[in-house]
């Protein structure tokens, strides 16, 4: 691990984040969470962060535009939503702990990120309602239905909630497969945030393979899950 590189990247990222968080929170107070200006500033933060961290993304299957959709991806690392949201306009659903992260949590909340307590049935129920409302109102959603990270070449069983909303209301589902050039970039098991962060920040370059799948429609949540997992698993197995 290159300690100098880690230090410089953290300093630059903190400066960039601090500069952007001020207008993000200002427009949040002025126009409410998820407003277009704060959303735009989040996209700037994502673009700069990827450059600062030396992330190189190889993209396949990306469409020029998407209707309001439910994007569903396999989960490898905290980089996943940052890399994916560089290419699509969507609000991700994150675990509630992220909301408590200093600066990052407040900025994420202000720009429209939705938070769920996965162990709380009421929280999951509420997030499904929010998901449906957002898509009805023209905002795409990004979810990771495995509910945890893994480094396996096959997805873990998907949680059903988002797919039930898609089946009920006729929302399009877009599967997204993500894989890393170095599988050690996956954040799994007992790996804690800080050591993983330092290991990732210390690398000169991180390569990510990002695949956007076909638009899926259906009235059966289980069938949508099967189709999404099958497509993602195929793409994961292509990356060696």
Protein backbone atom coordinates (compact mmCIF):
# COMPACT_ATOMS: atom_id res chain seq x y z
CA UNK A 1 0.00 0.00 0.00
CA UNK A 2 1.35 3.43 -0.97
CA UNK A 3 0.83 5.51 2.18
CA UNK A 4 1.67 8.80 0.45
CA UNK A 5 -0.91 8.10 -2.26
CA UNK A 6 -3.51 7.21 0.36
CA UNK A 7 -2.83 10.39 2.33
CA UNK A 8 -2.93 12.70 -0.70
CA UNK A 9 -6.13 11.13 -2.02
CA UNK A 10 -7.89 11.40 1.32
CA UNK A 11 -6.87 15.05 1.67
CA UNK A 12 -8.02 15.94 -1.85
CA UNK A 13 -11.25 13.99 -1.47
CA UNK A 14 -12.02 15.67 1.86
CA UNK A 15 -11.41 19.10 0.32
CA UNK A 16 -13.59 18.38 -2.71
CA UNK A 17 -16.33 16.92 -0.53
CA UNK A 18 -16.26 19.89 1.85
CA UNK A 19 -16.45 22.38 -1.02
CA UNK A 20 -19.42 20.61 -2.61
CA UNK A 21 -21.30 19.78 0.58
CA UNK A 22 -21.88 23.45 1.37
CA UNK A 23 -24.02 24.21 -1.72
CA UNK A 24 -25.61 20.75 -1.53
CA UNK A 25 -26.88 21.42 1.99
CA UNK A 26 -27.83 25.02 1.07
CA UNK A 27 -30.08 23.87 -1.77
CA UNK A 28 -31.38 21.07 0.44
CA UNK A 29 -32.53 23.66 2.99
CA UNK A 30 -33.90 25.86 0.20
CA UNK A 31 -35.65 23.28 -1.99
CA UNK A 32 -35.84 20.03 0.02
CA UNK A 33 -34.06 16.70 -0.37
CA UNK A 34 -33.42 15.31 -3.80
CA UNK A 35 -33.72 18.69 -5.54
CA UNK A 36 -32.22 18.97 -9.03
CA UNK A 37 -29.31 21.22 -8.03
CA UNK A 38 -28.14 19.01 -5.17
CA UNK A 39 -28.55 15.98 -7.45
CA UNK A 40 -26.37 17.69 -10.09
CA UNK A 41 -23.72 18.51 -7.49
CA UNK A 42 -23.74 14.86 -6.38
CA UNK A 43 -22.91 13.87 -9.96
CA UNK A 44 -19.97 16.30 -9.94
CA UNK A 45 -18.75 14.76 -6.67
CA UNK A 46 -19.00 11.26 -8.17
CA UNK A 47 -17.03 12.25 -11.29
CA UNK A 48 -14.27 13.95 -9.31
CA UNK A 49 -14.07 11.15 -6.75
CA UNK A 50 -13.54 8.52 -9.43
CA UNK A 51 -10.74 10.60 -10.97
CA UNK A 52 -9.09 11.25 -7.60
CA UNK A 53 -9.14 7.55 -6.74
CA UNK A 54 -7.79 6.41 -10.10
CA UNK A 55 -10.87 4.37 -11.01
CA UNK A 56 -11.01 3.14 -14.62
CA UNK A 57 -14.41 1.83 -15.72
CA UNK A 58 -15.05 -0.41 -18.73
CA UNK A 59 -18.71 -0.04 -19.70
CA UNK A 60 -20.87 -2.30 -21.84
CA UNK A 61 -24.56 -2.10 -22.81
CA UNK A 62 -25.24 1.45 -21.61
CA UNK A 63 -28.20 3.08 -23.35
CA UNK A 64 -28.22 6.76 -24.19
CA UNK A 65 -31.35 7.35 -22.11
CA UNK A 66 -33.55 5.33 -19.77
CA UNK A 67 -37.15 5.79 -18.68
CA UNK A 68 -37.71 5.88 -14.90
CA UNK A 69 -36.54 2.37 -13.99
CA UNK A 70 -35.48 0.03 -11.22
CA UNK A 71 -31.77 -0.72 -11.66
CA UNK A 72 -30.72 -3.89 -9.82
CA UNK A 73 -27.10 -4.88 -9.33
CA UNK A 74 -24.84 -7.42 -7.68
CA UNK A 75 -22.86 -6.01 -4.77
CA UNK A 76 -19.07 -6.06 -4.44
CA UNK A 77 -17.91 -2.88 -2.69
CA UNK A 78 -18.78 0.62 -1.53
CA UNK A 79 -17.45 1.69 -4.97
CA UNK A 80 -20.42 -0.02 -6.67
CA UNK A 81 -23.03 2.77 -6.48
CA UNK A 82 -20.42 5.48 -7.15
CA UNK A 83 -19.29 3.75 -10.35
CA UNK A 84 -22.84 2.98 -11.49
CA UNK A 85 -24.26 6.42 -10.74
CA UNK A 86 -21.54 7.97 -12.88
CA UNK A 87 -23.52 6.69 -15.88
CA UNK A 88 -27.17 6.78 -14.84
CA UNK A 89 -29.45 9.24 -13.09
CA UNK A 90 -30.87 7.34 -10.16
CA UNK A 91 -31.33 7.43 -6.40
CA UNK A 92 -29.71 4.49 -4.61
CA UNK A 93 -31.09 2.70 -1.57
CA UNK A 94 -28.43 2.35 1.12
CA UNK A 95 -28.26 0.79 4.55
CA UNK A 96 -29.18 3.13 7.39
CA UNK A 97 -25.63 3.12 8.81
CA UNK A 98 -24.42 5.18 5.84
CA UNK A 99 -26.63 8.06 6.97
CA UNK A 100 -24.53 8.38 10.14
CA UNK A 101 -21.25 8.78 8.23
CA UNK A 102 -19.85 12.28 8.80
CA UNK A 103 -20.44 14.64 5.84
CA UNK A 104 -21.04 11.76 3.39
CA UNK A 105 -24.26 10.71 5.13
CA UNK A 106 -25.69 14.22 5.27
CA UNK A 107 -24.79 14.88 1.65
CA UNK A 108 -26.26 11.57 0.51
CA UNK A 109 -29.52 12.26 2.31
CA UNK A 110 -29.76 15.77 0.86
CA UNK A 111 -29.28 14.53 -2.71
CA UNK A 112 -32.02 11.90 -2.55
CA UNK A 113 -30.34 8.71 -1.34
CA UNK A 114 -32.89 6.57 0.51
CA UNK A 115 -31.98 4.64 3.65
CA UNK A 116 -33.39 1.39 4.98
CA UNK A 117 -32.99 -0.64 8.18
CA UNK A 118 -32.87 -4.08 6.61
CA UNK A 119 -33.69 -5.82 9.89
CA UNK A 120 -36.80 -3.66 10.40
CA UNK A 121 -39.95 -4.84 8.53
CA UNK A 122 -41.57 -1.41 8.85
CA UNK A 123 -38.51 0.29 7.37
CA UNK A 124 -38.49 -2.16 4.44
CA UNK A 125 -42.20 -1.58 3.88
CA UNK A 126 -41.71 2.19 3.89
CA UNK A 127 -38.79 2.04 1.48
CA UNK A 128 -40.85 0.00 -0.99
CA UNK A 129 -43.51 2.73 -0.93
CA UNK A 130 -40.86 5.40 -1.48
CA UNK A 131 -39.34 3.38 -4.31
CA UNK A 132 -42.69 3.18 -6.10
CA UNK A 133 -43.42 6.88 -5.56
CA UNK A 134 -40.02 7.96 -6.85
CA UNK A 135 -40.33 5.95 -10.06
CA UNK A 136 -43.89 7.20 -10.59
CA UNK A 137 -42.50 10.72 -10.21
CA UNK A 138 -39.83 10.15 -12.83
CA UNK A 139 -36.78 9.23 -10.72
CA UNK A 140 -34.99 5.93 -11.27
CA UNK A 141 -33.88 3.80 -8.32
CA UNK A 142 -30.71 1.73 -7.84
CA UNK A 143 -30.85 -1.24 -5.46
CA UNK A 144 -28.58 -4.13 -4.44
CA UNK A 145 -31.08 -6.90 -3.69
CA UNK A 146 -28.48 -9.39 -2.40
CA UNK A 147 -28.44 -7.26 0.75
CA UNK A 148 -24.70 -7.82 1.30
CA UNK A 149 -21.42 -7.95 -0.58
CA UNK A 150 -19.86 -11.08 -2.04
CA UNK A 151 -16.92 -12.02 -4.26
CA UNK A 152 -18.63 -15.04 -5.82
CA UNK A 153 -19.27 -15.43 -9.56
CA UNK A 154 -22.93 -16.15 -8.87
CA UNK A 155 -25.33 -13.77 -7.16
CA UNK A 156 -26.78 -14.51 -3.75
CA UNK A 157 -30.59 -14.83 -3.51
CA UNK A 158 -32.29 -11.51 -4.23
CA UNK A 159 -34.64 -9.81 -1.79
CA UNK A 160 -38.07 -9.60 -3.37
CA UNK A 161 -39.40 -6.17 -2.33
CA UNK A 162 -38.27 -4.01 -5.25
CA UNK A 163 -39.27 -6.64 -7.79
CA UNK A 164 -42.75 -6.83 -6.30
CA UNK A 165 -43.13 -3.10 -6.84
CA UNK A 166 -41.90 -3.43 -10.43
CA UNK A 167 -44.32 -6.30 -11.11
CA UNK A 168 -47.26 -4.50 -9.50
CA UNK A 169 -46.80 -1.13 -11.20
CA UNK A 170 -45.18 -2.22 -14.46
CA UNK A 171 -41.82 -0.53 -13.86
CA UNK A 172 -38.93 -1.52 -16.13
CA UNK A 173 -36.15 -3.48 -14.43
CA UNK A 174 -32.55 -3.03 -15.65
CA UNK A 175 -30.01 -5.60 -14.39
CA UNK A 176 -26.50 -4.24 -13.77
CA UNK A 177 -23.44 -6.46 -13.34
CA UNK A 178 -20.27 -5.12 -11.74
CA UNK A 179 -16.92 -6.86 -11.42
CA UNK A 180 -13.46 -5.68 -10.42
CA UNK A 181 -10.19 -6.35 -12.20
CA UNK A 182 -8.80 -7.35 -8.79
CA UNK A 183 -11.27 -9.41 -6.77
CA UNK A 184 -9.54 -8.29 -3.56
CA UNK A 185 -11.37 -4.99 -4.09
CA UNK A 186 -14.54 -6.74 -2.96
CA UNK A 187 -15.58 -5.70 0.55
CA UNK A 188 -16.73 -8.94 2.18
CA UNK A 189 -16.79 -10.99 5.36
CA UNK A 190 -15.20 -9.39 8.41
CA UNK A 191 -13.38 -6.74 6.37
CA UNK A 192 -14.00 -3.39 8.07
CA UNK A 193 -14.47 -0.09 6.30
CA UNK A 194 -11.23 1.70 7.23
CA UNK A 195 -8.73 -1.07 6.25
CA UNK A 196 -10.67 -1.67 3.03
CA UNK A 197 -10.72 2.05 2.29
CA UNK A 198 -6.96 2.41 2.84
CA UNK A 199 -6.21 -0.64 0.71
CA UNK A 200 -8.36 0.67 -2.15
CA UNK A 201 -7.09 4.25 -1.90
CA UNK A 202 -3.49 3.04 -1.98
CA UNK A 203 -3.78 1.38 -5.38
CA UNK A 204 -2.56 3.37 -8.34
CA UNK A 205 -5.53 2.29 -10.42
CA UNK A 206 -8.76 0.36 -9.84
CA UNK A 207 -10.38 -1.29 -12.85
CA UNK A 208 -14.13 -1.90 -12.84
CA UNK A 209 -16.17 -3.80 -15.43
CA UNK A 210 -19.72 -2.45 -15.58
CA UNK A 211 -22.44 -4.10 -17.66
CA UNK A 212 -25.94 -2.70 -18.24
CA UNK A 213 -28.52 -5.28 -19.21
CA UNK A 214 -31.73 -5.42 -21.23
CA UNK A 215 -34.96 -3.81 -20.11
CA UNK A 216 -37.12 -6.39 -18.34
CA UNK A 217 -40.87 -6.20 -17.80
CA UNK A 218 -43.14 -8.64 -16.04
CA UNK A 219 -46.08 -9.11 -13.72
CA UNK A 220 -44.39 -11.83 -11.67
CA UNK A 221 -41.70 -10.75 -9.20
CA UNK A 222 -40.12 -14.21 -9.02
CA UNK A 223 -39.70 -14.35 -12.80
CA UNK A 224 -38.10 -10.89 -12.81
CA UNK A 225 -35.66 -12.06 -10.15
CA UNK A 226 -34.75 -15.18 -12.12
CA UNK A 227 -34.19 -13.18 -15.32
CA UNK A 228 -32.11 -10.52 -13.54
CA UNK A 229 -29.92 -13.00 -11.68
CA UNK A 230 -29.37 -15.14 -14.79
CA UNK A 231 -28.23 -12.15 -16.84
CA UNK A 232 -25.95 -10.80 -14.10
CA UNK A 233 -24.41 -14.22 -13.39
CA UNK A 234 -23.61 -14.66 -17.08
CA UNK A 235 -21.76 -11.34 -17.18
CA UNK A 236 -19.83 -12.02 -13.97
CA UNK A 237 -18.55 -15.29 -15.38
CA UNK A 238 -17.26 -13.51 -18.48
CA UNK A 239 -14.76 -11.47 -16.46
CA UNK A 240 -11.59 -13.38 -15.66
